């Protein structure tokens, strides 16, 4: 009877911890999606105004400044958390992948939760890479719209504001950690490439032994 209650308590504790982790992670991912799909349409509107109303519309530069401030505040608050997620996203697949390869080579397939954990480790951070890539893409399109406008026909004051926006969008501001690591699809593919190289290296070492 005592063993039954210990098992029940342990199962309940694991369930609570797992559920809490899932809820927290899902909430952060949902907030990231909401933030991204608020900023992205805003940038599309700025592109449309540049192409239809022209560069003399001062609200374009004011709204662009607001978007930049939002991104800077978001990075200041959440970039540390995103960096930790990037680091874990590069470590967990190495461990689970090694366990999977080792089990398959020994004709002892690992349990199903190993496969599920490996899939989650790969696809979990994808939302972060996608959100960063979406913002970066819209920033690049805004730069293209500003460059293709008839800036050379504008007055010096308007041209100065446009030059400032063009200089800012040359290197698109997106989700990043202190401008050192940019969270986009390029970052994601680099991490996947590193994981694959590590697993193949470990596999070759064991094959040589």
C-alpha atoms as a PDB file:
ATOM      1  CA  UNK A   1       0.000   0.000   0.000  1.00  0.00           C
ATOM      2  CA  UNK A   2       2.829   2.373   0.866  1.00  0.00           C
ATOM      3  CA  UNK A   3       4.505   1.643  -2.472  1.00  0.00           C
ATOM      4  CA  UNK A   4       1.271   2.465  -4.275  1.00  0.00           C
ATOM      5  CA  UNK A   5       1.035   5.908  -2.658  1.00  0.00           C
ATOM      6  CA  UNK A   6       4.710   6.605  -3.346  1.00  0.00           C
ATOM      7  CA  UNK A   7       4.247   5.680  -6.984  1.00  0.00           C
ATOM      8  CA  UNK A   8       1.099   7.812  -7.213  1.00  0.00           C
ATOM      9  CA  UNK A   9       2.796  10.796  -5.573  1.00  0.00           C
ATOM     10  CA  UNK A  10       5.827  10.466  -7.857  1.00  0.00           C
ATOM     11  CA  UNK A  11       3.635  10.209 -10.952  1.00  0.00           C
ATOM     12  CA  UNK A  12       1.599  13.229  -9.874  1.00  0.00           C
ATOM     13  CA  UNK A  13       4.770  15.252  -9.212  1.00  0.00           C
ATOM     14  CA  UNK A  14       6.205  14.394 -12.627  1.00  0.00           C
ATOM     15  CA  UNK A  15       2.890  15.310 -14.249  1.00  0.00           C
ATOM     16  CA  UNK A  16       2.774  18.675 -12.462  1.00  0.00           C
ATOM     17  CA  UNK A  17       6.365  19.534 -13.378  1.00  0.00           C
ATOM     18  CA  UNK A  18       5.925  18.477 -17.011  1.00  0.00           C
ATOM     19  CA  UNK A  19       2.610  20.309 -17.381  1.00  0.00           C
ATOM     20  CA  UNK A  20       4.034  23.474 -15.821  1.00  0.00           C
ATOM     21  CA  UNK A  21       7.023  23.419 -18.166  1.00  0.00           C
ATOM     22  CA  UNK A  22       4.790  22.918 -21.204  1.00  0.00           C
ATOM     23  CA  UNK A  23       2.431  25.732 -20.167  1.00  0.00           C
ATOM     24  CA  UNK A  24       5.297  28.169 -19.534  1.00  0.00           C
ATOM     25  CA  UNK A  25       7.055  27.305 -22.796  1.00  0.00           C
ATOM     26  CA  UNK A  26       3.820  27.434 -24.817  1.00  0.00           C
ATOM     27  CA  UNK A  27       2.924  30.807 -23.268  1.00  0.00           C
ATOM     28  CA  UNK A  28       6.321  32.276 -24.189  1.00  0.00           C
ATOM     29  CA  UNK A  29       6.086  30.886 -27.732  1.00  0.00           C
ATOM     30  CA  UNK A  30       2.552  32.253 -28.128  1.00  0.00           C
ATOM     31  CA  UNK A  31       3.622  35.681 -26.902  1.00  0.00           C
ATOM     32  CA  UNK A  32       6.494  35.618 -29.383  1.00  0.00           C
ATOM     33  CA  UNK A  33       4.129  34.798 -32.246  1.00  0.00           C
ATOM     34  CA  UNK A  34       1.741  37.570 -31.185  1.00  0.00           C
ATOM     35  CA  UNK A  35       4.579  40.096 -30.999  1.00  0.00           C
ATOM     36  CA  UNK A  36       5.924  39.047 -34.399  1.00  0.00           C
ATOM     37  CA  UNK A  37       2.570  39.201 -36.153  1.00  0.00           C
ATOM     38  CA  UNK A  38       1.919  42.629 -34.688  1.00  0.00           C
ATOM     39  CA  UNK A  39       5.248  44.014 -35.893  1.00  0.00           C
ATOM     40  CA  UNK A  40       5.231  42.340 -39.325  1.00  0.00           C
ATOM     41  CA  UNK A  41       1.946  43.889 -40.607  1.00  0.00           C
ATOM     42  CA  UNK A  42       3.064  47.240 -39.221  1.00  0.00           C
ATOM     43  CA  UNK A  43       6.199  47.077 -41.357  1.00  0.00           C
ATOM     44  CA  UNK A  44       4.113  46.060 -44.374  1.00  0.00           C
ATOM     45  CA  UNK A  45       1.982  49.170 -43.866  1.00  0.00           C
ATOM     46  CA  UNK A  46       5.121  51.326 -43.833  1.00  0.00           C
ATOM     47  CA  UNK A  47       6.235  49.694 -47.081  1.00  0.00           C
ATOM     48  CA  UNK A  48       2.865  50.397 -48.645  1.00  0.00           C
ATOM     49  CA  UNK A  49       2.945  54.037 -47.549  1.00  0.00           C
ATOM     50  CA  UNK A  50       6.388  54.490 -49.044  1.00  0.00           C
ATOM     51  CA  UNK A  51       5.214  53.075 -52.348  1.00  0.00           C
ATOM     52  CA  UNK A  52       1.868  54.925 -52.498  1.00  0.00           C
ATOM     53  CA  UNK A  53       2.218  58.205 -50.579  1.00  0.00           C
ATOM     54  CA  UNK A  54       5.922  58.700 -51.172  1.00  0.00           C
ATOM     55  CA  UNK A  55       8.813  59.671 -48.911  1.00  0.00           C
ATOM     56  CA  UNK A  56       7.358  63.051 -47.902  1.00  0.00           C
ATOM     57  CA  UNK A  57       4.946  61.368 -45.447  1.00  0.00           C
ATOM     58  CA  UNK A  58       6.516  62.134 -42.046  1.00  0.00           C
ATOM     59  CA  UNK A  59       4.408  59.535 -40.228  1.00  0.00           C
ATOM     60  CA  UNK A  60       6.476  56.822 -41.951  1.00  0.00           C
ATOM     61  CA  UNK A  61       9.631  57.833 -40.094  1.00  0.00           C
ATOM     62  CA  UNK A  62       7.801  58.367 -36.812  1.00  0.00           C
ATOM     63  CA  UNK A  63       6.176  54.936 -36.976  1.00  0.00           C
ATOM     64  CA  UNK A  64       9.443  53.326 -38.018  1.00  0.00           C
ATOM     65  CA  UNK A  65      11.073  54.817 -34.927  1.00  0.00           C
ATOM     66  CA  UNK A  66       8.300  53.307 -32.770  1.00  0.00           C
ATOM     67  CA  UNK A  67       8.856  49.859 -34.325  1.00  0.00           C
ATOM     68  CA  UNK A  68      12.604  50.091 -33.678  1.00  0.00           C
ATOM     69  CA  UNK A  69      11.934  51.033 -30.049  1.00  0.00           C
ATOM     70  CA  UNK A  70       9.577  48.067 -29.626  1.00  0.00           C
ATOM     71  CA  UNK A  71      12.204  45.686 -30.993  1.00  0.00           C
ATOM     72  CA  UNK A  72      14.926  47.125 -28.778  1.00  0.00           C
ATOM     73  CA  UNK A  73      12.727  46.804 -25.678  1.00  0.00           C
ATOM     74  CA  UNK A  74      11.784  43.229 -26.593  1.00  0.00           C
ATOM     75  CA  UNK A  75      15.408  42.243 -27.103  1.00  0.00           C
ATOM     76  CA  UNK A  76      16.417  43.899 -23.853  1.00  0.00           C
ATOM     77  CA  UNK A  77      13.809  41.949 -21.881  1.00  0.00           C
ATOM     78  CA  UNK A  78      13.738  38.553 -23.616  1.00  0.00           C
ATOM     79  CA  UNK A  79      17.039  38.141 -25.477  1.00  0.00           C
ATOM     80  CA  UNK A  80      18.694  36.416 -22.493  1.00  0.00           C
ATOM     81  CA  UNK A  81      15.909  33.837 -22.334  1.00  0.00           C
ATOM     82  CA  UNK A  82      16.149  33.273 -26.091  1.00  0.00           C
ATOM     83  CA  UNK A  83      19.922  32.791 -25.802  1.00  0.00           C
ATOM     84  CA  UNK A  84      19.443  30.095 -23.137  1.00  0.00           C
ATOM     85  CA  UNK A  85      16.913  28.386 -25.419  1.00  0.00           C
ATOM     86  CA  UNK A  86      19.424  28.493 -28.275  1.00  0.00           C
ATOM     87  CA  UNK A  87      22.091  26.891 -26.080  1.00  0.00           C
ATOM     88  CA  UNK A  88      19.740  24.151 -24.875  1.00  0.00           C
ATOM     89  CA  UNK A  89      18.519  23.599 -28.432  1.00  0.00           C
ATOM     90  CA  UNK A  90      22.090  22.806 -29.440  1.00  0.00           C
ATOM     91  CA  UNK A  91      22.853  20.520 -26.467  1.00  0.00           C
ATOM     92  CA  UNK A  92      19.724  18.400 -26.009  1.00  0.00           C
ATOM     93  CA  UNK A  93      19.626  16.950 -29.562  1.00  0.00           C
ATOM     94  CA  UNK A  94      23.259  15.864 -29.194  1.00  0.00           C
ATOM     95  CA  UNK A  95      22.434  13.805 -26.107  1.00  0.00           C
ATOM     96  CA  UNK A  96      19.193  12.327 -27.404  1.00  0.00           C
ATOM     97  CA  UNK A  97      20.705  11.746 -30.851  1.00  0.00           C
ATOM     98  CA  UNK A  98      23.667   9.897 -29.368  1.00  0.00           C
ATOM     99  CA  UNK A  99      21.319   7.732 -27.279  1.00  0.00           C
ATOM    100  CA  UNK A 100      19.280   6.949 -30.380  1.00  0.00           C
ATOM    101  CA  UNK A 101      22.299   6.050 -32.538  1.00  0.00           C
ATOM    102  CA  UNK A 102      23.855   3.966 -29.760  1.00  0.00           C
ATOM    103  CA  UNK A 103      20.633   2.021 -29.213  1.00  0.00           C
ATOM    104  CA  UNK A 104      20.056   1.350 -32.898  1.00  0.00           C
ATOM    105  CA  UNK A 105      23.634   0.133 -33.414  1.00  0.00           C
ATOM    106  CA  UNK A 106      23.292  -2.272 -30.474  1.00  0.00           C
ATOM    107  CA  UNK A 107      19.916  -3.529 -31.726  1.00  0.00           C
ATOM    108  CA  UNK A 108      18.348  -2.072 -28.595  1.00  0.00           C
ATOM    109  CA  UNK A 109      15.993   0.704 -29.758  1.00  0.00           C
ATOM    110  CA  UNK A 110      15.384   3.380 -27.118  1.00  0.00           C
ATOM    111  CA  UNK A 111      11.866   3.981 -25.755  1.00  0.00           C
ATOM    112  CA  UNK A 112       9.334   6.090 -27.614  1.00  0.00           C
ATOM    113  CA  UNK A 113       9.853   9.160 -25.408  1.00  0.00           C
ATOM    114  CA  UNK A 114      13.427   9.459 -26.745  1.00  0.00           C
ATOM    115  CA  UNK A 115      12.078   9.895 -30.278  1.00  0.00           C
ATOM    116  CA  UNK A 116       9.494  12.402 -29.085  1.00  0.00           C
ATOM    117  CA  UNK A 117      12.094  14.358 -27.104  1.00  0.00           C
ATOM    118  CA  UNK A 118      14.405  14.483 -30.122  1.00  0.00           C
ATOM    119  CA  UNK A 119      11.599  15.788 -32.350  1.00  0.00           C
ATOM    120  CA  UNK A 120      10.635  18.448 -29.801  1.00  0.00           C
ATOM    121  CA  UNK A 121      14.263  19.531 -29.418  1.00  0.00           C
ATOM    122  CA  UNK A 122      14.479  20.155 -33.157  1.00  0.00           C
ATOM    123  CA  UNK A 123      11.083  21.706 -33.770  1.00  0.00           C
ATOM    124  CA  UNK A 124      10.578  23.509 -30.441  1.00  0.00           C
ATOM    125  CA  UNK A 125      12.972  26.410 -31.157  1.00  0.00           C
ATOM    126  CA  UNK A 126      11.716  26.652 -34.754  1.00  0.00           C
ATOM    127  CA  UNK A 127       9.091  29.205 -33.685  1.00  0.00           C
ATOM    128  CA  UNK A 128      11.847  31.505 -32.440  1.00  0.00           C
ATOM    129  CA  UNK A 129      13.853  31.168 -35.657  1.00  0.00           C
ATOM    130  CA  UNK A 130      10.748  31.736 -37.766  1.00  0.00           C
ATOM    131  CA  UNK A 131       9.683  34.849 -35.834  1.00  0.00           C
ATOM    132  CA  UNK A 132      13.144  36.371 -36.127  1.00  0.00           C
ATOM    133  CA  UNK A 133      13.279  35.577 -39.842  1.00  0.00           C
ATOM    134  CA  UNK A 134       9.850  37.115 -40.451  1.00  0.00           C
ATOM    135  CA  UNK A 135      10.824  40.408 -38.818  1.00  0.00           C
ATOM    136  CA  UNK A 136      14.175  40.445 -40.619  1.00  0.00           C
ATOM    137  CA  UNK A 137      12.498  39.821 -43.991  1.00  0.00           C
ATOM    138  CA  UNK A 138      10.016  42.660 -43.531  1.00  0.00           C
ATOM    139  CA  UNK A 139      12.842  44.992 -42.491  1.00  0.00           C
ATOM    140  CA  UNK A 140      14.739  44.101 -45.650  1.00  0.00           C
ATOM    141  CA  UNK A 141      11.660  44.758 -47.782  1.00  0.00           C
ATOM    142  CA  UNK A 142      11.209  48.117 -46.075  1.00  0.00           C
ATOM    143  CA  UNK A 143      14.793  48.983 -46.964  1.00  0.00           C
ATOM    144  CA  UNK A 144      14.160  47.929 -50.558  1.00  0.00           C
ATOM    145  CA  UNK A 145      11.018  50.086 -50.715  1.00  0.00           C
ATOM    146  CA  UNK A 146      12.877  53.107 -49.346  1.00  0.00           C
ATOM    147  CA  UNK A 147      15.748  52.608 -51.775  1.00  0.00           C
ATOM    148  CA  UNK A 148      13.449  52.224 -54.799  1.00  0.00           C
ATOM    149  CA  UNK A 149      11.543  55.400 -53.943  1.00  0.00           C
ATOM    150  CA  UNK A 150      12.287  58.685 -55.719  1.00  0.00           C
ATOM    151  CA  UNK A 151      14.449  59.975 -52.869  1.00  0.00           C
ATOM    152  CA  UNK A 152      16.646  61.927 -55.263  1.00  0.00           C
ATOM    153  CA  UNK A 153      13.709  64.214 -56.121  1.00  0.00           C
ATOM    154  CA  UNK A 154      12.867  65.118 -52.517  1.00  0.00           C
ATOM    155  CA  UNK A 155      13.840  68.164 -50.495  1.00  0.00           C
ATOM    156  CA  UNK A 156      16.997  67.931 -48.339  1.00  0.00           C
ATOM    157  CA  UNK A 157      15.034  67.625 -45.065  1.00  0.00           C
ATOM    158  CA  UNK A 158      12.909  64.740 -46.359  1.00  0.00           C
ATOM    159  CA  UNK A 159      15.967  63.148 -47.907  1.00  0.00           C
ATOM    160  CA  UNK A 160      17.782  63.285 -44.575  1.00  0.00           C
ATOM    161  CA  UNK A 161      14.989  61.402 -42.782  1.00  0.00           C
ATOM    162  CA  UNK A 162      14.926  58.827 -45.548  1.00  0.00           C
ATOM    163  CA  UNK A 163      18.702  58.399 -45.428  1.00  0.00           C
ATOM    164  CA  UNK A 164      18.479  57.783 -41.679  1.00  0.00           C
ATOM    165  CA  UNK A 165      15.853  55.074 -42.160  1.00  0.00           C
ATOM    166  CA  UNK A 166      17.854  53.503 -44.974  1.00  0.00           C
ATOM    167  CA  UNK A 167      20.988  53.392 -42.814  1.00  0.00           C
ATOM    168  CA  UNK A 168      19.071  51.702 -39.998  1.00  0.00           C
ATOM    169  CA  UNK A 169      17.518  49.106 -42.313  1.00  0.00           C
ATOM    170  CA  UNK A 170      20.795  48.242 -44.081  1.00  0.00           C
ATOM    171  CA  UNK A 171      21.399  45.834 -41.217  1.00  0.00           C
ATOM    172  CA  UNK A 172      17.840  44.813 -40.292  1.00  0.00           C
ATOM    173  CA  UNK A 173      17.098  44.962 -36.593  1.00  0.00           C
ATOM    174  CA  UNK A 174      15.462  41.708 -35.561  1.00  0.00           C
ATOM    175  CA  UNK A 175      15.409  39.342 -32.584  1.00  0.00           C
ATOM    176  CA  UNK A 176      18.998  39.175 -31.338  1.00  0.00           C
ATOM    177  CA  UNK A 177      21.201  38.998 -28.269  1.00  0.00           C
ATOM    178  CA  UNK A 178      23.132  42.272 -28.044  1.00  0.00           C
ATOM    179  CA  UNK A 179      23.649  42.262 -31.830  1.00  0.00           C
ATOM    180  CA  UNK A 180      25.963  39.267 -31.296  1.00  0.00           C
ATOM    181  CA  UNK A 181      23.595  36.392 -32.118  1.00  0.00           C
ATOM    182  CA  UNK A 182      20.662  36.876 -34.473  1.00  0.00           C
ATOM    183  CA  UNK A 183      17.724  34.526 -33.990  1.00  0.00           C
ATOM    184  CA  UNK A 184      16.638  33.633 -37.520  1.00  0.00           C
ATOM    185  CA  UNK A 185      16.532  30.642 -39.859  1.00  0.00           C
ATOM    186  CA  UNK A 186      20.210  31.052 -40.667  1.00  0.00           C
ATOM    187  CA  UNK A 187      21.015  30.621 -36.978  1.00  0.00           C
ATOM    188  CA  UNK A 188      18.748  27.567 -36.845  1.00  0.00           C
ATOM    189  CA  UNK A 189      20.367  25.875 -39.832  1.00  0.00           C
ATOM    190  CA  UNK A 190      23.821  26.564 -38.386  1.00  0.00           C
ATOM    191  CA  UNK A 191      22.840  24.840 -35.139  1.00  0.00           C
ATOM    192  CA  UNK A 192      21.352  21.850 -36.993  1.00  0.00           C
ATOM    193  CA  UNK A 193      24.528  21.577 -39.062  1.00  0.00           C
ATOM    194  CA  UNK A 194      26.645  21.613 -35.888  1.00  0.00           C
ATOM    195  CA  UNK A 195      24.481  18.912 -34.283  1.00  0.00           C
ATOM    196  CA  UNK A 196      24.748  16.725 -37.376  1.00  0.00           C
ATOM    197  CA  UNK A 197      28.550  17.157 -37.518  1.00  0.00           C
ATOM    198  CA  UNK A 198      28.880  16.237 -33.824  1.00  0.00           C
ATOM    199  CA  UNK A 199      26.731  13.111 -34.136  1.00  0.00           C
ATOM    200  CA  UNK A 200      28.584  11.943 -37.256  1.00  0.00           C
ATOM    201  CA  UNK A 201      31.930  12.541 -35.550  1.00  0.00           C
ATOM    202  CA  UNK A 202      30.897  10.483 -32.494  1.00  0.00           C
ATOM    203  CA  UNK A 203      29.533   7.771 -34.759  1.00  0.00           C
ATOM    204  CA  UNK A 204      32.797   7.599 -36.732  1.00  0.00           C
ATOM    205  CA  UNK A 205      34.848   7.407 -33.532  1.00  0.00           C
ATOM    206  CA  UNK A 206      32.812   4.449 -32.273  1.00  0.00           C
ATOM    207  CA  UNK A 207      32.952   2.740 -35.663  1.00  0.00           C
ATOM    208  CA  UNK A 208      36.750   3.104 -35.694  1.00  0.00           C
ATOM    209  CA  UNK A 209      36.995   1.545 -32.231  1.00  0.00           C
END
